[in-house]
């Protein structure tokens, strides 16, 4: 048995890079540190957390990792988050009404104004394209009234943290 040791692998002439099926080809991350409020948002609204990637092959898959932090106070106020590739909702449950979301939260316990809750998703997408593709996160309130916040708690006191929300895209060779 032989062992091959290398410091660098360079493509010979194609200019397309090294492509190994099942391996990470590129990684792109989008983030938001904006402290944003969404009031009476009863239609899907962009959170400002997005990233764009240009796959090198139509057989590549995109591993999408979403980590969004949101807070709210109002008892009974519930909200959902969803992931879109372009204008198409992906990674959620069965498509009916607001059930196209990947997360749903309702905060109704005293003291929740001090909390931010993560809305997380890991999804392996097959966009079948070599065109630039944008992924983004949206939110909706499933009842009228109230406010939800991106990257902060409702209370927002000096003792509370502001944070960042991210979306990471990893092209996996197909």
C-alpha atoms as a PDB file:
ATOM      1  CA  UNK A   1       0.000   0.000   0.000  1.00  0.00           C
ATOM      2  CA  UNK A   2       1.255   3.490  -0.873  1.00  0.00           C
ATOM      3  CA  UNK A   3       0.606   6.860   0.729  1.00  0.00           C
ATOM      4  CA  UNK A   4       0.436  10.077  -1.244  1.00  0.00           C
ATOM      5  CA  UNK A   5       1.418  13.309   0.496  1.00  0.00           C
ATOM      6  CA  UNK A   6       0.822  16.672  -1.203  1.00  0.00           C
ATOM      7  CA  UNK A   7       0.850  20.307  -0.157  1.00  0.00           C
ATOM      8  CA  UNK A   8      -1.166  21.636  -3.098  1.00  0.00           C
ATOM      9  CA  UNK A   9      -3.287  20.215  -5.912  1.00  0.00           C
ATOM     10  CA  UNK A  10      -3.578  22.477  -8.944  1.00  0.00           C
ATOM     11  CA  UNK A  11      -5.758  21.965 -11.965  1.00  0.00           C
ATOM     12  CA  UNK A  12      -3.886  21.281 -15.164  1.00  0.00           C
ATOM     13  CA  UNK A  13      -5.485  23.528 -17.823  1.00  0.00           C
ATOM     14  CA  UNK A  14      -9.285  23.823 -17.639  1.00  0.00           C
ATOM     15  CA  UNK A  15      -9.586  26.925 -15.455  1.00  0.00           C
ATOM     16  CA  UNK A  16     -12.601  25.359 -13.720  1.00  0.00           C
ATOM     17  CA  UNK A  17     -10.901  24.438 -10.452  1.00  0.00           C
ATOM     18  CA  UNK A  18     -10.583  21.070  -8.761  1.00  0.00           C
ATOM     19  CA  UNK A  19     -13.940  19.276  -8.574  1.00  0.00           C
ATOM     20  CA  UNK A  20     -14.251  16.246  -6.271  1.00  0.00           C
ATOM     21  CA  UNK A  21     -17.737  14.737  -5.852  1.00  0.00           C
ATOM     22  CA  UNK A  22     -18.910  14.746  -2.230  1.00  0.00           C
ATOM     23  CA  UNK A  23     -16.438  17.419  -1.143  1.00  0.00           C
ATOM     24  CA  UNK A  24     -16.908  21.082  -0.296  1.00  0.00           C
ATOM     25  CA  UNK A  25     -16.108  23.247  -3.310  1.00  0.00           C
ATOM     26  CA  UNK A  26     -16.876  26.695  -1.906  1.00  0.00           C
ATOM     27  CA  UNK A  27     -18.382  28.335   1.176  1.00  0.00           C
ATOM     28  CA  UNK A  28     -20.291  31.631   1.279  1.00  0.00           C
ATOM     29  CA  UNK A  29     -21.746  33.308   4.359  1.00  0.00           C
ATOM     30  CA  UNK A  30     -24.227  36.138   4.731  1.00  0.00           C
ATOM     31  CA  UNK A  31     -24.927  37.793   8.038  1.00  0.00           C
ATOM     32  CA  UNK A  32     -26.894  40.542   9.679  1.00  0.00           C
ATOM     33  CA  UNK A  33     -26.042  42.371  12.876  1.00  0.00           C
ATOM     34  CA  UNK A  34     -28.925  44.786  12.290  1.00  0.00           C
ATOM     35  CA  UNK A  35     -31.295  45.172  15.222  1.00  0.00           C
ATOM     36  CA  UNK A  36     -34.597  45.260  13.369  1.00  0.00           C
ATOM     37  CA  UNK A  37     -38.239  45.178  14.441  1.00  0.00           C
ATOM     38  CA  UNK A  38     -41.137  43.710  12.490  1.00  0.00           C
ATOM     39  CA  UNK A  39     -44.555  44.995  13.559  1.00  0.00           C
ATOM     40  CA  UNK A  40     -47.885  43.546  12.440  1.00  0.00           C
ATOM     41  CA  UNK A  41     -46.089  41.588   9.738  1.00  0.00           C
ATOM     42  CA  UNK A  42     -48.939  39.394   8.479  1.00  0.00           C
ATOM     43  CA  UNK A  43     -47.298  38.785   5.112  1.00  0.00           C
ATOM     44  CA  UNK A  44     -43.889  37.241   4.500  1.00  0.00           C
ATOM     45  CA  UNK A  45     -41.176  39.868   5.066  1.00  0.00           C
ATOM     46  CA  UNK A  46     -37.427  39.645   4.364  1.00  0.00           C
ATOM     47  CA  UNK A  47     -35.296  39.529   7.523  1.00  0.00           C
ATOM     48  CA  UNK A  48     -32.209  40.878   5.763  1.00  0.00           C
ATOM     49  CA  UNK A  49     -30.345  37.581   6.192  1.00  0.00           C
ATOM     50  CA  UNK A  50     -29.258  36.343   2.753  1.00  0.00           C
ATOM     51  CA  UNK A  51     -26.339  35.032   0.706  1.00  0.00           C
ATOM     52  CA  UNK A  52     -25.685  34.291  -2.956  1.00  0.00           C
ATOM     53  CA  UNK A  53     -23.649  31.464  -4.463  1.00  0.00           C
ATOM     54  CA  UNK A  54     -22.774  30.451  -8.030  1.00  0.00           C
ATOM     55  CA  UNK A  55     -22.512  26.646  -8.241  1.00  0.00           C
ATOM     56  CA  UNK A  56     -19.722  25.270 -10.439  1.00  0.00           C
ATOM     57  CA  UNK A  57     -21.851  22.362 -11.706  1.00  0.00           C
ATOM     58  CA  UNK A  58     -25.545  21.589 -12.169  1.00  0.00           C
ATOM     59  CA  UNK A  59     -24.987  18.356 -10.215  1.00  0.00           C
ATOM     60  CA  UNK A  60     -23.738  20.218  -7.124  1.00  0.00           C
ATOM     61  CA  UNK A  61     -25.828  20.430  -3.991  1.00  0.00           C
ATOM     62  CA  UNK A  62     -25.960  23.448  -1.679  1.00  0.00           C
ATOM     63  CA  UNK A  63     -25.892  22.809   2.063  1.00  0.00           C
ATOM     64  CA  UNK A  64     -27.767  25.721   3.654  1.00  0.00           C
ATOM     65  CA  UNK A  65     -27.275  26.433   7.370  1.00  0.00           C
ATOM     66  CA  UNK A  66     -29.510  29.133   8.878  1.00  0.00           C
ATOM     67  CA  UNK A  67     -29.029  30.555  12.382  1.00  0.00           C
ATOM     68  CA  UNK A  68     -31.423  33.439  13.056  1.00  0.00           C
ATOM     69  CA  UNK A  69     -32.084  34.937  16.508  1.00  0.00           C
ATOM     70  CA  UNK A  70     -35.418  36.582  17.263  1.00  0.00           C
ATOM     71  CA  UNK A  71     -37.200  37.891  20.323  1.00  0.00           C
ATOM     72  CA  UNK A  72     -40.711  39.080  21.190  1.00  0.00           C
ATOM     73  CA  UNK A  73     -42.889  39.736  24.228  1.00  0.00           C
ATOM     74  CA  UNK A  74     -46.576  39.695  23.492  1.00  0.00           C
ATOM     75  CA  UNK A  75     -48.386  36.695  24.960  1.00  0.00           C
ATOM     76  CA  UNK A  76     -49.902  34.583  22.231  1.00  0.00           C
ATOM     77  CA  UNK A  77     -47.952  36.309  19.453  1.00  0.00           C
ATOM     78  CA  UNK A  78     -46.526  33.641  17.213  1.00  0.00           C
ATOM     79  CA  UNK A  79     -44.298  33.921  14.203  1.00  0.00           C
ATOM     80  CA  UNK A  80     -42.701  31.665  11.621  1.00  0.00           C
ATOM     81  CA  UNK A  81     -39.555  31.769   9.498  1.00  0.00           C
ATOM     82  CA  UNK A  82     -38.984  30.316   6.052  1.00  0.00           C
ATOM     83  CA  UNK A  83     -36.082  29.838   3.630  1.00  0.00           C
ATOM     84  CA  UNK A  84     -36.250  30.853  -0.017  1.00  0.00           C
ATOM     85  CA  UNK A  85     -34.099  29.998  -3.011  1.00  0.00           C
ATOM     86  CA  UNK A  86     -34.844  32.963  -5.241  1.00  0.00           C
ATOM     87  CA  UNK A  87     -38.608  33.314  -4.808  1.00  0.00           C
ATOM     88  CA  UNK A  88     -39.283  29.629  -4.036  1.00  0.00           C
ATOM     89  CA  UNK A  89     -39.847  28.495  -0.445  1.00  0.00           C
ATOM     90  CA  UNK A  90     -37.691  25.444   0.375  1.00  0.00           C
ATOM     91  CA  UNK A  91     -36.739  23.408   3.412  1.00  0.00           C
ATOM     92  CA  UNK A  92     -40.085  23.730   5.171  1.00  0.00           C
ATOM     93  CA  UNK A  93     -43.006  21.477   5.846  1.00  0.00           C
ATOM     94  CA  UNK A  94     -45.987  20.671   3.658  1.00  0.00           C
ATOM     95  CA  UNK A  95     -46.933  23.693   1.546  1.00  0.00           C
ATOM     96  CA  UNK A  96     -50.271  24.971   2.846  1.00  0.00           C
ATOM     97  CA  UNK A  97     -51.059  28.458   4.154  1.00  0.00           C
ATOM     98  CA  UNK A  98     -48.180  29.449   6.461  1.00  0.00           C
ATOM     99  CA  UNK A  99     -47.043  25.845   6.893  1.00  0.00           C
ATOM    100  CA  UNK A 100     -44.274  26.398   4.354  1.00  0.00           C
ATOM    101  CA  UNK A 101     -42.067  27.572   7.238  1.00  0.00           C
ATOM    102  CA  UNK A 102     -39.092  25.804   8.821  1.00  0.00           C
ATOM    103  CA  UNK A 103     -39.720  27.184  12.317  1.00  0.00           C
ATOM    104  CA  UNK A 104     -42.588  28.463  14.421  1.00  0.00           C
ATOM    105  CA  UNK A 105     -42.445  30.132  17.813  1.00  0.00           C
ATOM    106  CA  UNK A 106     -44.994  31.375  20.296  1.00  0.00           C
ATOM    107  CA  UNK A 107     -43.834  33.199  23.395  1.00  0.00           C
ATOM    108  CA  UNK A 108     -46.466  33.404  26.089  1.00  0.00           C
ATOM    109  CA  UNK A 109     -44.591  32.898  29.360  1.00  0.00           C
ATOM    110  CA  UNK A 110     -43.811  35.777  31.732  1.00  0.00           C
ATOM    111  CA  UNK A 111     -40.160  36.734  31.360  1.00  0.00           C
ATOM    112  CA  UNK A 112     -39.804  35.818  27.688  1.00  0.00           C
ATOM    113  CA  UNK A 113     -39.094  39.471  26.864  1.00  0.00           C
ATOM    114  CA  UNK A 114     -35.543  38.736  28.055  1.00  0.00           C
ATOM    115  CA  UNK A 115     -34.995  35.886  25.614  1.00  0.00           C
ATOM    116  CA  UNK A 116     -33.914  35.553  22.027  1.00  0.00           C
ATOM    117  CA  UNK A 117     -34.832  32.270  20.455  1.00  0.00           C
ATOM    118  CA  UNK A 118     -32.810  30.702  17.659  1.00  0.00           C
ATOM    119  CA  UNK A 119     -34.600  29.772  14.460  1.00  0.00           C
ATOM    120  CA  UNK A 120     -32.335  27.133  12.901  1.00  0.00           C
ATOM    121  CA  UNK A 121     -32.383  25.106   9.724  1.00  0.00           C
ATOM    122  CA  UNK A 122     -29.947  22.825   7.930  1.00  0.00           C
ATOM    123  CA  UNK A 123     -31.122  21.877   4.451  1.00  0.00           C
ATOM    124  CA  UNK A 124     -29.424  20.163   1.507  1.00  0.00           C
ATOM    125  CA  UNK A 125     -30.733  21.795  -1.678  1.00  0.00           C
ATOM    126  CA  UNK A 126     -30.367  20.701  -5.311  1.00  0.00           C
ATOM    127  CA  UNK A 127     -30.694  23.909  -7.349  1.00  0.00           C
ATOM    128  CA  UNK A 128     -29.544  22.265 -10.653  1.00  0.00           C
ATOM    129  CA  UNK A 129     -27.987  25.464 -11.969  1.00  0.00           C
ATOM    130  CA  UNK A 130     -24.666  27.198 -12.528  1.00  0.00           C
ATOM    131  CA  UNK A 131     -26.265  30.635 -12.277  1.00  0.00           C
ATOM    132  CA  UNK A 132     -25.916  32.896  -9.242  1.00  0.00           C
ATOM    133  CA  UNK A 133     -28.501  31.747  -6.705  1.00  0.00           C
ATOM    134  CA  UNK A 134     -29.688  33.750  -3.704  1.00  0.00           C
ATOM    135  CA  UNK A 135     -30.973  32.202  -0.488  1.00  0.00           C
ATOM    136  CA  UNK A 136     -32.774  34.333   2.092  1.00  0.00           C
ATOM    137  CA  UNK A 137     -34.869  34.113   5.250  1.00  0.00           C
ATOM    138  CA  UNK A 138     -38.315  35.642   5.760  1.00  0.00           C
ATOM    139  CA  UNK A 139     -40.680  35.950   8.720  1.00  0.00           C
ATOM    140  CA  UNK A 140     -44.440  36.247   9.181  1.00  0.00           C
ATOM    141  CA  UNK A 141     -46.661  36.811  12.207  1.00  0.00           C
ATOM    142  CA  UNK A 142     -49.536  34.398  12.394  1.00  0.00           C
ATOM    143  CA  UNK A 143     -51.726  36.845  14.321  1.00  0.00           C
ATOM    144  CA  UNK A 144     -52.215  40.594  14.041  1.00  0.00           C
ATOM    145  CA  UNK A 145     -50.593  42.944  16.509  1.00  0.00           C
ATOM    146  CA  UNK A 146     -47.279  42.783  18.290  1.00  0.00           C
ATOM    147  CA  UNK A 147     -43.647  43.039  17.319  1.00  0.00           C
ATOM    148  CA  UNK A 148     -40.798  40.585  16.803  1.00  0.00           C
ATOM    149  CA  UNK A 149     -37.139  41.599  16.770  1.00  0.00           C
ATOM    150  CA  UNK A 150     -34.142  40.355  14.838  1.00  0.00           C
ATOM    151  CA  UNK A 151     -30.882  40.067  16.821  1.00  0.00           C
ATOM    152  CA  UNK A 152     -32.249  41.374  20.121  1.00  0.00           C
ATOM    153  CA  UNK A 153     -34.707  40.608  22.885  1.00  0.00           C
ATOM    154  CA  UNK A 154     -37.898  42.626  23.295  1.00  0.00           C
ATOM    155  CA  UNK A 155     -36.638  44.171  26.524  1.00  0.00           C
ATOM    156  CA  UNK A 156     -33.363  45.355  24.926  1.00  0.00           C
ATOM    157  CA  UNK A 157     -31.897  46.492  28.251  1.00  0.00           C
ATOM    158  CA  UNK A 158     -28.188  47.150  28.711  1.00  0.00           C
ATOM    159  CA  UNK A 159     -27.946  43.757  30.440  1.00  0.00           C
ATOM    160  CA  UNK A 160     -29.178  41.973  27.306  1.00  0.00           C
ATOM    161  CA  UNK A 161     -27.053  40.958  24.328  1.00  0.00           C
ATOM    162  CA  UNK A 162     -27.461  41.979  20.731  1.00  0.00           C
ATOM    163  CA  UNK A 163     -26.331  39.226  18.399  1.00  0.00           C
ATOM    164  CA  UNK A 164     -25.896  38.320  14.740  1.00  0.00           C
ATOM    165  CA  UNK A 165     -27.869  36.078  12.440  1.00  0.00           C
ATOM    166  CA  UNK A 166     -26.200  34.080   9.675  1.00  0.00           C
ATOM    167  CA  UNK A 167     -26.848  31.993   6.596  1.00  0.00           C
ATOM    168  CA  UNK A 168     -24.038  29.757   5.368  1.00  0.00           C
ATOM    169  CA  UNK A 169     -23.999  28.164   1.907  1.00  0.00           C
ATOM    170  CA  UNK A 170     -21.655  25.263   1.113  1.00  0.00           C
ATOM    171  CA  UNK A 171     -21.405  23.884  -2.411  1.00  0.00           C
ATOM    172  CA  UNK A 172     -20.974  20.100  -2.285  1.00  0.00           C
ATOM    173  CA  UNK A 173     -19.684  18.380  -5.427  1.00  0.00           C
ATOM    174  CA  UNK A 174     -22.281  16.063  -6.947  1.00  0.00           C
END
